[in-house]
Amino acid sequence: TNAYNQPIAVGLGHSSSEATNAQIQNPQNMCRVMQDIEGCTYVVLCGVKAKLLLDPVLNAGKTAITVPHVGNKGLNRTFKLKGIDSVDQPTVRRKLRVAQWAKKVLSEIEVGNKA
């Protein structure tokens, strides 16, 4: 699920490309998120905005994992692999960064299982 249920994008005429903290923490939105993750054991919170949901997710007895957003900005900012920027093809660079993101998710799950 997304941290907020409405599509927000500059290309759609919005002044921002993401929901405000108040929109994400709105009680109706929080209830929607909790309904969406009902039955889940692990919840992967991707990005800074999703971390606003961390406490309610943990309070619901879920194992929460926080990782960078999987969009290009989050991946590029976080995974600065040696030599990756010299790869000519953007799709290859993205695949390499997504692989690193996936390793981080799996690592965080493993850490959570040991706690």
C-alpha atoms as a PDB file:
ATOM      1  CA  THR A   1       0.000   0.000   0.000  1.00  0.00           C
ATOM      2  CA  ASN A   2       1.061   3.616  -0.272  1.00  0.00           C
ATOM      3  CA  ALA A   3       1.525   5.964   2.667  1.00  0.00           C
ATOM      4  CA  TYR A   4      -1.291   8.070   1.195  1.00  0.00           C
ATOM      5  CA  ASN A   5      -4.105   6.863  -1.035  1.00  0.00           C
ATOM      6  CA  GLN A   6      -4.338   9.754  -3.495  1.00  0.00           C
ATOM      7  CA  PRO A   7      -1.950  10.190  -6.431  1.00  0.00           C
ATOM      8  CA  ILE A   8       0.088  13.351  -5.962  1.00  0.00           C
ATOM      9  CA  ALA A   9       2.449  14.593  -8.637  1.00  0.00           C
ATOM     10  CA  VAL A  10       3.657  17.846 -10.101  1.00  0.00           C
ATOM     11  CA  GLY A  11       2.653  16.431 -13.479  1.00  0.00           C
ATOM     12  CA  LEU A  12      -0.925  16.209 -12.185  1.00  0.00           C
ATOM     13  CA  GLY A  13      -0.899  19.894 -11.281  1.00  0.00           C
ATOM     14  CA  HIS A  14       0.071  19.581  -7.617  1.00  0.00           C
ATOM     15  CA  SER A  15       2.705  21.834  -6.080  1.00  0.00           C
ATOM     16  CA  SER A  16       4.489  18.803  -4.625  1.00  0.00           C
ATOM     17  CA  SER A  17       5.115  15.203  -5.587  1.00  0.00           C
ATOM     18  CA  GLU A  18       4.294  13.707  -2.194  1.00  0.00           C
ATOM     19  CA  ALA A  19       1.686  13.896   0.543  1.00  0.00           C
ATOM     20  CA  THR A  20       2.196  16.162   3.522  1.00  0.00           C
ATOM     21  CA  ASN A  21       2.953  14.721   6.950  1.00  0.00           C
ATOM     22  CA  ALA A  22      -0.533  15.823   8.053  1.00  0.00           C
ATOM     23  CA  GLN A  23      -2.163  13.952   5.159  1.00  0.00           C
ATOM     24  CA  ILE A  24      -0.263  10.769   5.979  1.00  0.00           C
ATOM     25  CA  GLN A  25      -0.928  11.036   9.724  1.00  0.00           C
ATOM     26  CA  ASN A  26      -4.613  11.856   9.260  1.00  0.00           C
ATOM     27  CA  PRO A  27      -6.612   9.322  11.335  1.00  0.00           C
ATOM     28  CA  GLN A  28      -8.651   8.174   8.309  1.00  0.00           C
ATOM     29  CA  ASN A  29      -5.486   7.552   6.323  1.00  0.00           C
ATOM     30  CA  MET A  30      -3.841   5.729   9.228  1.00  0.00           C
ATOM     31  CA  CYS A  31      -6.919   3.510   9.559  1.00  0.00           C
ATOM     32  CA  ARG A  32      -6.799   2.744   5.823  1.00  0.00           C
ATOM     33  CA  VAL A  33      -3.125   1.776   6.023  1.00  0.00           C
ATOM     34  CA  MET A  34      -3.711  -0.472   9.015  1.00  0.00           C
ATOM     35  CA  GLN A  35      -6.570  -2.210   7.178  1.00  0.00           C
ATOM     36  CA  ASP A  36      -4.359  -2.641   4.106  1.00  0.00           C
ATOM     37  CA  ILE A  37      -1.609  -4.356   6.092  1.00  0.00           C
ATOM     38  CA  GLU A  38      -3.915  -6.539   8.169  1.00  0.00           C
ATOM     39  CA  GLY A  39      -2.639 -10.103   7.954  1.00  0.00           C
ATOM     40  CA  CYS A  40       0.925  -9.028   7.130  1.00  0.00           C
ATOM     41  CA  THR A  41       3.798 -10.057   9.345  1.00  0.00           C
ATOM     42  CA  TYR A  42       6.453  -7.842   7.747  1.00  0.00           C
ATOM     43  CA  VAL A  43       5.856  -4.284   6.611  1.00  0.00           C
ATOM     44  CA  VAL A  44       8.477  -2.591   4.450  1.00  0.00           C
ATOM     45  CA  LEU A  45       8.337   1.174   4.871  1.00  0.00           C
ATOM     46  CA  CYS A  46      10.023   2.772   1.860  1.00  0.00           C
ATOM     47  CA  GLY A  47      11.214   6.341   2.239  1.00  0.00           C
ATOM     48  CA  VAL A  48      11.018   9.181   4.713  1.00  0.00           C
ATOM     49  CA  LYS A  49       7.264   9.715   4.420  1.00  0.00           C
ATOM     50  CA  ALA A  50       6.491   6.042   4.993  1.00  0.00           C
ATOM     51  CA  LYS A  51       8.494   6.187   8.234  1.00  0.00           C
ATOM     52  CA  LEU A  52       5.701   8.375   9.615  1.00  0.00           C
ATOM     53  CA  LEU A  53       3.738   5.114   9.852  1.00  0.00           C
ATOM     54  CA  LEU A  54       6.399   3.293  11.869  1.00  0.00           C
ATOM     55  CA  ASP A  55       4.933   3.652  15.374  1.00  0.00           C
ATOM     56  CA  PRO A  56       1.379   2.585  14.461  1.00  0.00           C
ATOM     57  CA  VAL A  57       2.744  -0.381  12.504  1.00  0.00           C
ATOM     58  CA  LEU A  58       4.924  -1.486  15.421  1.00  0.00           C
ATOM     59  CA  ASN A  59       2.060  -0.912  17.876  1.00  0.00           C
ATOM     60  CA  ALA A  60      -0.035  -3.287  15.753  1.00  0.00           C
ATOM     61  CA  GLY A  61       2.521  -6.027  16.435  1.00  0.00           C
ATOM     62  CA  LYS A  62       4.056  -6.010  12.959  1.00  0.00           C
ATOM     63  CA  THR A  63       7.746  -6.287  12.143  1.00  0.00           C
ATOM     64  CA  ALA A  64       8.594  -3.060  10.346  1.00  0.00           C
ATOM     65  CA  ILE A  65      11.561  -2.530   8.084  1.00  0.00           C
ATOM     66  CA  THR A  66      12.611   0.943   6.982  1.00  0.00           C
ATOM     67  CA  VAL A  67      14.519   1.307   3.736  1.00  0.00           C
ATOM     68  CA  PRO A  68      15.073   4.037   1.139  1.00  0.00           C
ATOM     69  CA  HIS A  69      12.300   4.738  -1.339  1.00  0.00           C
ATOM     70  CA  VAL A  70      12.606   2.548  -4.403  1.00  0.00           C
ATOM     71  CA  GLY A  71      12.168   5.492  -6.794  1.00  0.00           C
ATOM     72  CA  ASN A  72      15.167   6.745  -8.754  1.00  0.00           C
ATOM     73  CA  LYS A  73      15.877   9.627  -6.352  1.00  0.00           C
ATOM     74  CA  GLY A  74      15.959   7.338  -3.328  1.00  0.00           C
ATOM     75  CA  LEU A  75      18.045   4.704  -5.058  1.00  0.00           C
ATOM     76  CA  ASN A  76      20.519   7.174  -6.554  1.00  0.00           C
ATOM     77  CA  ARG A  77      20.979   9.025  -3.271  1.00  0.00           C
ATOM     78  CA  THR A  78      21.485   5.885  -1.213  1.00  0.00           C
ATOM     79  CA  PHE A  79      23.332   3.371  -3.349  1.00  0.00           C
ATOM     80  CA  LYS A  80      26.502   4.974  -4.619  1.00  0.00           C
ATOM     81  CA  LEU A  81      28.265   1.868  -5.839  1.00  0.00           C
ATOM     82  CA  LYS A  82      31.818   2.107  -7.036  1.00  0.00           C
ATOM     83  CA  GLY A  83      31.813   2.273 -10.821  1.00  0.00           C
ATOM     84  CA  ILE A  84      28.026   2.241 -11.144  1.00  0.00           C
ATOM     85  CA  ASP A  85      27.860   5.743 -12.582  1.00  0.00           C
ATOM     86  CA  SER A  86      30.291   4.766 -15.330  1.00  0.00           C
ATOM     87  CA  VAL A  87      27.769   2.230 -16.665  1.00  0.00           C
ATOM     88  CA  ASP A  88      26.362   3.799 -19.835  1.00  0.00           C
ATOM     89  CA  GLN A  89      22.877   2.318 -19.719  1.00  0.00           C
ATOM     90  CA  PRO A  90      20.496   3.866 -17.162  1.00  0.00           C
ATOM     91  CA  THR A  91      18.429   0.674 -16.977  1.00  0.00           C
ATOM     92  CA  VAL A  92      21.515  -1.328 -16.019  1.00  0.00           C
ATOM     93  CA  ARG A  93      22.421   1.216 -13.310  1.00  0.00           C
ATOM     94  CA  ARG A  94      18.863   1.046 -11.974  1.00  0.00           C
ATOM     95  CA  LYS A  95      18.914  -2.761 -11.901  1.00  0.00           C
ATOM     96  CA  LEU A  96      22.187  -2.695  -9.946  1.00  0.00           C
ATOM     97  CA  ARG A  97      20.741  -0.230  -7.443  1.00  0.00           C
ATOM     98  CA  VAL A  98      17.491  -2.187  -7.109  1.00  0.00           C
ATOM     99  CA  ALA A  99      19.539  -5.313  -6.383  1.00  0.00           C
ATOM    100  CA  GLN A 100      21.306  -3.424  -3.578  1.00  0.00           C
ATOM    101  CA  TRP A 101      17.937  -2.187  -2.283  1.00  0.00           C
ATOM    102  CA  ALA A 102      16.606  -5.768  -2.241  1.00  0.00           C
ATOM    103  CA  LYS A 103      19.695  -6.961  -0.352  1.00  0.00           C
ATOM    104  CA  LYS A 104      19.041  -4.246   2.236  1.00  0.00           C
ATOM    105  CA  VAL A 105      15.407  -5.348   2.626  1.00  0.00           C
ATOM    106  CA  LEU A 106      16.447  -8.974   3.132  1.00  0.00           C
ATOM    107  CA  SER A 107      19.190  -7.947   5.548  1.00  0.00           C
ATOM    108  CA  GLU A 108      16.724  -5.911   7.609  1.00  0.00           C
ATOM    109  CA  ILE A 109      14.304  -8.853   7.722  1.00  0.00           C
ATOM    110  CA  GLU A 110      17.123 -11.101   8.925  1.00  0.00           C
ATOM    111  CA  VAL A 111      18.083  -8.592  11.638  1.00  0.00           C
ATOM    112  CA  GLY A 112      14.437  -8.344  12.700  1.00  0.00           C
ATOM    113  CA  ASN A 113      14.184 -12.110  13.021  1.00  0.00           C
ATOM    114  CA  LYS A 114      17.203 -12.188  15.347  1.00  0.00           C
ATOM    115  CA  ALA A 115      15.821  -9.498  17.655  1.00  0.00           C
END
